[in-house]
């Protein structure tokens, strides 16, 4: 299952993308697929045909995990 992440990089705009598995505490890099800005625009410092980017953990200040579309469709408690 792929996870959507928001990477907050030191001194740069947040980057949205997907990973196959969440980073482990022992990882030194994060490999992000389909990197883009939050609004879907391309990142100005990447070439247009880039599909994966490898960031070192030391450049990342915060990682947010976004809920998947499948989780959004799950219905919670319903009163009748």
PDB file of N, CA and C in Angstrom:
ATOM      1  N   UNK A   1       0.844  -1.177   0.000  1.00  0.00           N
ATOM      2  CA  UNK A   1       0.000   0.000   0.000  1.00  0.00           C
ATOM      3  C   UNK A   1       0.890   1.241   0.000  1.00  0.00           C
ATOM      4  N   UNK A   2       0.608   2.167  -0.867  1.00  0.00           N
ATOM      5  CA  UNK A   2       1.370   3.411  -0.944  1.00  0.00           C
ATOM      6  C   UNK A   2       0.829   4.420   0.063  1.00  0.00           C
ATOM      7  N   UNK A   3       1.710   5.205   0.613  1.00  0.00           N
ATOM      8  CA  UNK A   3       1.348   6.256   1.560  1.00  0.00           C
ATOM      9  C   UNK A   3       1.646   7.604   0.928  1.00  0.00           C
ATOM     10  N   UNK A   4       0.775   8.574   1.140  1.00  0.00           N
ATOM     11  CA  UNK A   4       1.022   9.950   0.704  1.00  0.00           C
ATOM     12  C   UNK A   4       1.641  10.699   1.873  1.00  0.00           C
ATOM     13  N   UNK A   5       2.748  11.386   1.603  1.00  0.00           N
ATOM     14  CA  UNK A   5       3.467  12.119   2.639  1.00  0.00           C
ATOM     15  C   UNK A   5       3.615  13.578   2.271  1.00  0.00           C
ATOM     16  N   UNK A   6       3.751  14.408   3.288  1.00  0.00           N
ATOM     17  CA  UNK A   6       4.170  15.793   3.124  1.00  0.00           C
ATOM     18  C   UNK A   6       5.499  15.907   3.862  1.00  0.00           C
ATOM     19  N   UNK A   7       6.553  16.198   3.108  1.00  0.00           N
ATOM     20  CA  UNK A   7       7.869  16.392   3.702  1.00  0.00           C
ATOM     21  C   UNK A   7       8.108  17.878   3.900  1.00  0.00           C
ATOM     22  N   UNK A   8       8.419  18.265   5.118  1.00  0.00           N
ATOM     23  CA  UNK A   8       8.769  19.650   5.411  1.00  0.00           C
ATOM     24  C   UNK A   8      10.297  19.707   5.431  1.00  0.00           C
ATOM     25  N   UNK A   9      10.858  20.363   4.420  1.00  0.00           N
ATOM     26  CA  UNK A   9      12.303  20.429   4.269  1.00  0.00           C
ATOM     27  C   UNK A   9      12.847  21.694   4.917  1.00  0.00           C
ATOM     28  N   UNK A  10      14.046  21.605   5.437  1.00  0.00           N
ATOM     29  CA  UNK A  10      14.690  22.760   6.070  1.00  0.00           C
ATOM     30  C   UNK A  10      14.864  23.887   5.062  1.00  0.00           C
ATOM     31  N   UNK A  11      14.244  25.034   5.317  1.00  0.00           N
ATOM     32  CA  UNK A  11      14.406  26.217   4.488  1.00  0.00           C
ATOM     33  C   UNK A  11      13.789  26.130   3.110  1.00  0.00           C
ATOM     34  N   UNK A  12      12.779  25.279   2.914  1.00  0.00           N
ATOM     35  CA  UNK A  12      12.163  25.132   1.599  1.00  0.00           C
ATOM     36  C   UNK A  12      10.668  24.869   1.761  1.00  0.00           C
ATOM     37  N   UNK A  13       9.958  24.898   0.635  1.00  0.00           N
ATOM     38  CA  UNK A  13       8.513  24.654   0.668  1.00  0.00           C
ATOM     39  C   UNK A  13       8.253  23.172   0.923  1.00  0.00           C
ATOM     40  N   UNK A  14       7.115  22.824   1.558  1.00  0.00           N
ATOM     41  CA  UNK A  14       6.770  21.411   1.761  1.00  0.00           C
ATOM     42  C   UNK A  14       6.573  20.690   0.432  1.00  0.00           C
ATOM     43  N   UNK A  15       6.917  19.409   0.425  1.00  0.00           N
ATOM     44  CA  UNK A  15       6.836  18.588  -0.776  1.00  0.00           C
ATOM     45  C   UNK A  15       5.878  17.430  -0.517  1.00  0.00           C
ATOM     46  N   UNK A  16       4.956  17.194  -1.448  1.00  0.00           N
ATOM     47  CA  UNK A  16       4.001  16.098  -1.355  1.00  0.00           C
ATOM     48  C   UNK A  16       4.438  15.007  -2.318  1.00  0.00           C
ATOM     49  N   UNK A  17       4.248  13.757  -1.912  1.00  0.00           N
ATOM     50  CA  UNK A  17       4.573  12.630  -2.777  1.00  0.00           C
ATOM     51  C   UNK A  17       4.155  11.325  -2.126  1.00  0.00           C
ATOM     52  N   UNK A  18       4.483  10.236  -2.785  1.00  0.00           N
ATOM     53  CA  UNK A  18       4.084   8.925  -2.303  1.00  0.00           C
ATOM     54  C   UNK A  18       5.316   8.065  -2.020  1.00  0.00           C
ATOM     55  N   UNK A  19       5.183   7.180  -1.025  1.00  0.00           N
ATOM     56  CA  UNK A  19       6.203   6.182  -0.712  1.00  0.00           C
ATOM     57  C   UNK A  19       5.514   4.828  -0.592  1.00  0.00           C
ATOM     58  N   UNK A  20       6.267   3.757  -0.858  1.00  0.00           N
ATOM     59  CA  UNK A  20       5.702   2.416  -0.748  1.00  0.00           C
ATOM     60  C   UNK A  20       5.549   1.983   0.702  1.00  0.00           C
ATOM     61  N   UNK A  21       6.478   2.400   1.548  1.00  0.00           N
ATOM     62  CA  UNK A  21       6.381   2.101   2.974  1.00  0.00           C
ATOM     63  C   UNK A  21       6.894   3.290   3.766  1.00  0.00           C
ATOM     64  N   UNK A  22       6.416   3.414   4.986  1.00  0.00           N
ATOM     65  CA  UNK A  22       6.811   4.540   5.827  1.00  0.00           C
ATOM     66  C   UNK A  22       8.272   4.406   6.242  1.00  0.00           C
ATOM     67  N   UNK A  23       8.960   5.543   6.400  1.00  0.00           N
ATOM     68  CA  UNK A  23      10.365   5.496   6.821  1.00  0.00           C
ATOM     69  C   UNK A  23      10.502   4.873   8.213  1.00  0.00           C
ATOM     70  N   UNK A  24      11.550   4.100   8.393  1.00  0.00           N
ATOM     71  CA  UNK A  24      11.844   3.474   9.690  1.00  0.00           C
ATOM     72  C   UNK A  24      12.813   4.370  10.454  1.00  0.00           C
ATOM     73  N   UNK A  25      12.889   4.210  11.769  1.00  0.00           N
ATOM     74  CA  UNK A  25      13.821   5.033  12.558  1.00  0.00           C
ATOM     75  C   UNK A  25      15.285   4.879  12.143  1.00  0.00           C
ATOM     76  N   UNK A  26      15.631   3.769  11.510  1.00  0.00           N
ATOM     77  CA  UNK A  26      17.023   3.533  11.104  1.00  0.00           C
ATOM     78  C   UNK A  26      17.336   4.040   9.700  1.00  0.00           C
ATOM     79  N   UNK A  27      16.327   4.492   8.953  1.00  0.00           N
ATOM     80  CA  UNK A  27      16.539   4.970   7.582  1.00  0.00           C
ATOM     81  C   UNK A  27      17.331   6.278   7.581  1.00  0.00           C
ATOM     82  N   UNK A  28      18.153   6.446   6.552  1.00  0.00           N
ATOM     83  CA  UNK A  28      18.919   7.685   6.395  1.00  0.00           C
ATOM     84  C   UNK A  28      18.435   8.500   5.206  1.00  0.00           C
ATOM     85  N   UNK A  29      17.552   7.905   4.373  1.00  0.00           N
ATOM     86  CA  UNK A  29      16.998   8.607   3.215  1.00  0.00           C
ATOM     87  C   UNK A  29      15.505   8.310   3.107  1.00  0.00           C
ATOM     88  N   UNK A  30      14.798   9.173   2.372  1.00  0.00           N
ATOM     89  CA  UNK A  30      13.387   8.956   2.023  1.00  0.00           C
ATOM     90  C   UNK A  30      13.297   9.050   0.505  1.00  0.00           C
ATOM     91  N   UNK A  31      12.746   8.007  -0.121  1.00  0.00           N
ATOM     92  CA  UNK A  31      12.568   7.992  -1.577  1.00  0.00           C
ATOM     93  C   UNK A  31      11.112   8.340  -1.861  1.00  0.00           C
ATOM     94  N   UNK A  32      10.888   9.497  -2.465  1.00  0.00           N
ATOM     95  CA  UNK A  32       9.548  10.032  -2.695  1.00  0.00           C
ATOM     96  C   UNK A  32       9.218   9.971  -4.182  1.00  0.00           C
ATOM     97  N   UNK A  33       8.073   9.379  -4.516  1.00  0.00           N
ATOM     98  CA  UNK A  33       7.609   9.303  -5.908  1.00  0.00           C
ATOM     99  C   UNK A  33       6.661  10.455  -6.203  1.00  0.00           C
ATOM    100  N   UNK A  34       6.660  10.921  -7.431  1.00  0.00           N
ATOM    101  CA  UNK A  34       5.780  12.008  -7.889  1.00  0.00           C
ATOM    102  C   UNK A  34       5.880  13.254  -7.011  1.00  0.00           C
ATOM    103  N   UNK A  35       7.079  13.792  -6.795  1.00  0.00           N
ATOM    104  CA  UNK A  35       7.222  14.975  -5.928  1.00  0.00           C
ATOM    105  C   UNK A  35       6.562  16.205  -6.548  1.00  0.00           C
ATOM    106  N   UNK A  36       5.871  16.968  -5.698  1.00  0.00           N
ATOM    107  CA  UNK A  36       5.169  18.169  -6.151  1.00  0.00           C
ATOM    108  C   UNK A  36       4.905  19.066  -4.939  1.00  0.00           C
ATOM    109  N   UNK A  37       4.496  20.307  -5.216  1.00  0.00           N
ATOM    110  CA  UNK A  37       4.086  21.204  -4.140  1.00  0.00           C
ATOM    111  C   UNK A  37       2.696  20.794  -3.674  1.00  0.00           C
ATOM    112  N   UNK A  38       2.262  21.347  -2.560  1.00  0.00           N
ATOM    113  CA  UNK A  38       0.928  21.016  -2.028  1.00  0.00           C
ATOM    114  C   UNK A  38      -0.190  21.315  -3.018  1.00  0.00           C
ATOM    115  N   UNK A  39      -0.027  22.358  -3.802  1.00  0.00           N
ATOM    116  CA  UNK A  39      -1.076  22.734  -4.763  1.00  0.00           C
ATOM    117  C   UNK A  39      -0.953  21.972  -6.078  1.00  0.00           C
ATOM    118  N   UNK A  40      -0.044  21.001  -6.155  1.00  0.00           N
ATOM    119  CA  UNK A  40       0.103  20.170  -7.346  1.00  0.00           C
ATOM    120  C   UNK A  40       1.083  20.703  -8.372  1.00  0.00           C
ATOM    121  N   UNK A  41       1.629  21.877  -8.155  1.00  0.00           N
ATOM    122  CA  UNK A  41       2.587  22.458  -9.107  1.00  0.00           C
ATOM    123  C   UNK A  41       3.930  21.759  -9.001  1.00  0.00           C
ATOM    124  N   UNK A  42       4.687  21.828 -10.102  1.00  0.00           N
ATOM    125  CA  UNK A  42       6.026  21.246 -10.126  1.00  0.00           C
ATOM    126  C   UNK A  42       6.955  22.008  -9.193  1.00  0.00           C
ATOM    127  N   UNK A  43       7.972  21.306  -8.706  1.00  0.00           N
ATOM    128  CA  UNK A  43       8.998  21.947  -7.896  1.00  0.00           C
ATOM    129  C   UNK A  43      10.000  22.608  -8.838  1.00  0.00           C
ATOM    130  N   UNK A  44      10.280  23.875  -8.629  1.00  0.00           N
ATOM    131  CA  UNK A  44      11.089  24.659  -9.563  1.00  0.00           C
ATOM    132  C   UNK A  44      12.511  24.139  -9.698  1.00  0.00           C
ATOM    133  N   UNK A  45      13.023  23.422  -8.723  1.00  0.00           N
ATOM    134  CA  UNK A  45      14.402  22.963  -8.774  1.00  0.00           C
ATOM    135  C   UNK A  45      14.556  21.548  -9.331  1.00  0.00           C
ATOM    136  N   UNK A  46      13.455  20.917  -9.766  1.00  0.00           N
ATOM    137  CA  UNK A  46      13.520  19.588 -10.371  1.00  0.00           C
ATOM    138  C   UNK A  46      13.202  19.664 -11.859  1.00  0.00           C
ATOM    139  N   UNK A  47      13.796  18.760 -12.618  1.00  0.00           N
ATOM    140  CA  UNK A  47      13.473  18.651 -14.035  1.00  0.00           C
ATOM    141  C   UNK A  47      12.040  18.153 -14.192  1.00  0.00           C
ATOM    142  N   UNK A  48      11.421  18.426 -15.339  1.00  0.00           N
ATOM    143  CA  UNK A  48      10.027  18.067 -15.556  1.00  0.00           C
ATOM    144  C   UNK A  48       9.787  16.566 -15.597  1.00  0.00           C
ATOM    145  N   UNK A  49      10.762  15.783 -16.024  1.00  0.00           N
ATOM    146  CA  UNK A  49      10.551  14.346 -16.167  1.00  0.00           C
ATOM    147  C   UNK A  49      10.972  13.529 -14.949  1.00  0.00           C
ATOM    148  N   UNK A  50      11.251  14.165 -13.812  1.00  0.00           N
ATOM    149  CA  UNK A  50      11.644  13.463 -12.584  1.00  0.00           C
ATOM    150  C   UNK A  50      10.422  12.783 -11.976  1.00  0.00           C
ATOM    151  N   UNK A  51      10.570  11.490 -11.643  1.00  0.00           N
ATOM    152  CA  UNK A  51       9.452  10.751 -11.037  1.00  0.00           C
ATOM    153  C   UNK A  51       9.764  10.311  -9.608  1.00  0.00           C
ATOM    154  N   UNK A  52      11.038  10.264  -9.227  1.00  0.00           N
ATOM    155  CA  UNK A  52      11.428   9.913  -7.863  1.00  0.00           C
ATOM    156  C   UNK A  52      12.571  10.804  -7.422  1.00  0.00           C
ATOM    157  N   UNK A  53      12.553  11.146  -6.118  1.00  0.00           N
ATOM    158  CA  UNK A  53      13.614  11.957  -5.535  1.00  0.00           C
ATOM    159  C   UNK A  53      14.039  11.295  -4.233  1.00  0.00           C
ATOM    160  N   UNK A  54      15.335  11.330  -3.967  1.00  0.00           N
ATOM    161  CA  UNK A  54      15.877  10.773  -2.730  1.00  0.00           C
ATOM    162  C   UNK A  54      16.344  11.939  -1.859  1.00  0.00           C
ATOM    163  N   UNK A  55      15.730  12.075  -0.675  1.00  0.00           N
ATOM    164  CA  UNK A  55      16.117  13.132   0.262  1.00  0.00           C
ATOM    165  C   UNK A  55      16.777  12.510   1.477  1.00  0.00           C
ATOM    166  N   UNK A  56      17.877  13.114   1.946  1.00  0.00           N
ATOM    167  CA  UNK A  56      18.468  12.635   3.203  1.00  0.00           C
ATOM    168  C   UNK A  56      17.595  13.068   4.383  1.00  0.00           C
ATOM    169  N   UNK A  57      17.487  12.212   5.363  1.00  0.00           N
ATOM    170  CA  UNK A  57      16.653  12.483   6.545  1.00  0.00           C
ATOM    171  C   UNK A  57      17.073  13.780   7.234  1.00  0.00           C
ATOM    172  N   UNK A  58      18.356  14.110   7.232  1.00  0.00           N
ATOM    173  CA  UNK A  58      18.817  15.304   7.950  1.00  0.00           C
ATOM    174  C   UNK A  58      18.272  16.605   7.359  1.00  0.00           C
ATOM    175  N   UNK A  59      17.776  16.588   6.106  1.00  0.00           N
ATOM    176  CA  UNK A  59      17.168  17.778   5.499  1.00  0.00           C
ATOM    177  C   UNK A  59      15.692  17.911   5.856  1.00  0.00           C
ATOM    178  N   UNK A  60      15.087  16.861   6.406  1.00  0.00           N
ATOM    179  CA  UNK A  60      13.644  16.827   6.683  1.00  0.00           C
ATOM    180  C   UNK A  60      13.416  17.181   8.145  1.00  0.00           C
ATOM    181  N   UNK A  61      12.536  18.179   8.364  1.00  0.00           N
ATOM    182  CA  UNK A  61      12.229  18.568   9.740  1.00  0.00           C
ATOM    183  C   UNK A  61      10.955  17.913  10.261  1.00  0.00           C
ATOM    184  N   UNK A  62      10.049  17.549   9.350  1.00  0.00           N
ATOM    185  CA  UNK A  62       8.771  16.958   9.761  1.00  0.00           C
ATOM    186  C   UNK A  62       8.215  16.150   8.601  1.00  0.00           C
ATOM    187  N   UNK A  63       7.606  15.005   8.918  1.00  0.00           N
ATOM    188  CA  UNK A  63       6.932  14.182   7.915  1.00  0.00           C
ATOM    189  C   UNK A  63       5.481  14.014   8.333  1.00  0.00           C
ATOM    190  N   UNK A  64       4.556  14.424   7.456  1.00  0.00           N
ATOM    191  CA  UNK A  64       3.127  14.223   7.697  1.00  0.00           C
ATOM    192  C   UNK A  64       2.644  13.067   6.827  1.00  0.00           C
ATOM    193  N   UNK A  65       1.823  12.191   7.396  1.00  0.00           N
ATOM    194  CA  UNK A  65       1.236  11.081   6.651  1.00  0.00           C
ATOM    195  C   UNK A  65      -0.225  11.432   6.389  1.00  0.00           C
ATOM    196  N   UNK A  66      -0.603  11.495   5.113  1.00  0.00           N
ATOM    197  CA  UNK A  66      -1.971  11.836   4.735  1.00  0.00           C
ATOM    198  C   UNK A  66      -2.806  10.572   4.646  1.00  0.00           C
ATOM    199  N   UNK A  67      -4.094  10.678   4.980  1.00  0.00           N
ATOM    200  CA  UNK A  67      -4.949   9.499   4.879  1.00  0.00           C
ATOM    201  C   UNK A  67      -5.223   9.181   3.414  1.00  0.00           C
ATOM    202  N   UNK A  68      -5.384   7.904   3.139  1.00  0.00           N
ATOM    203  CA  UNK A  68      -5.603   7.477   1.761  1.00  0.00           C
ATOM    204  C   UNK A  68      -7.063   7.665   1.381  1.00  0.00           C
ATOM    205  N   UNK A  69      -7.342   7.563   0.087  1.00  0.00           N
ATOM    206  CA  UNK A  69      -8.719   7.689  -0.394  1.00  0.00           C
ATOM    207  C   UNK A  69      -9.581   6.567   0.155  1.00  0.00           C
ATOM    208  N   UNK A  70      -9.004   5.380   0.353  1.00  0.00           N
ATOM    209  CA  UNK A  70      -9.748   4.254   0.902  1.00  0.00           C
ATOM    210  C   UNK A  70     -10.204   4.561   2.314  1.00  0.00           C
ATOM    211  N   UNK A  71      -9.330   5.180   3.126  1.00  0.00           N
ATOM    212  CA  UNK A  71      -9.678   5.511   4.497  1.00  0.00           C
ATOM    213  C   UNK A  71     -10.744   6.589   4.551  1.00  0.00           C
ATOM    214  N   UNK A  72     -10.737   7.514   3.574  1.00  0.00           N
ATOM    215  CA  UNK A  72     -11.735   8.572   3.545  1.00  0.00           C
ATOM    216  C   UNK A  72     -13.130   8.015   3.278  1.00  0.00           C
ATOM    217  N   UNK A  73     -13.214   6.890   2.564  1.00  0.00           N
ATOM    218  CA  UNK A  73     -14.509   6.313   2.199  1.00  0.00           C
ATOM    219  C   UNK A  73     -15.127   5.480   3.323  1.00  0.00           C
ATOM    220  N   UNK A  74     -14.338   5.138   4.341  1.00  0.00           N
ATOM    221  CA  UNK A  74     -14.860   4.332   5.446  1.00  0.00           C
ATOM    222  C   UNK A  74     -15.863   5.169   6.233  1.00  0.00           C
ATOM    223  N   UNK A  75     -17.016   4.589   6.455  1.00  0.00           N
ATOM    224  CA  UNK A  75     -18.066   5.288   7.211  1.00  0.00           C
ATOM    225  C   UNK A  75     -17.902   4.980   8.687  1.00  0.00           C
ATOM    226  N   UNK A  76     -17.923   6.011   9.488  1.00  0.00           N
ATOM    227  CA  UNK A  76     -17.784   5.846  10.930  1.00  0.00           C
ATOM    228  C   UNK A  76     -19.118   5.477  11.558  1.00  0.00           C
ATOM    229  N   UNK A  77     -19.270   5.808  12.810  1.00  0.00           N
ATOM    230  CA  UNK A  77     -20.507   5.497  13.519  1.00  0.00           C
ATOM    231  C   UNK A  77     -21.651   6.313  12.960  1.00  0.00           C
ATOM    232  N   UNK A  78     -22.789   5.677  12.801  1.00  0.00           N
ATOM    233  CA  UNK A  78     -23.966   6.347  12.243  1.00  0.00           C
ATOM    234  C   UNK A  78     -25.122   6.173  13.212  1.00  0.00           C
ATOM    235  N   UNK A  79     -25.759   7.259  13.546  1.00  0.00           N
ATOM    236  CA  UNK A  79     -26.950   7.179  14.414  1.00  0.00           C
ATOM    237  C   UNK A  79     -28.174   6.931  13.564  1.00  0.00           C
ATOM    238  N   UNK A  80     -29.025   6.081  14.042  1.00  0.00           N
ATOM    239  CA  UNK A  80     -30.259   5.803  13.291  1.00  0.00           C
ATOM    240  C   UNK A  80     -31.453   6.291  14.055  1.00  0.00           C
TER     241      UNK A  80
END
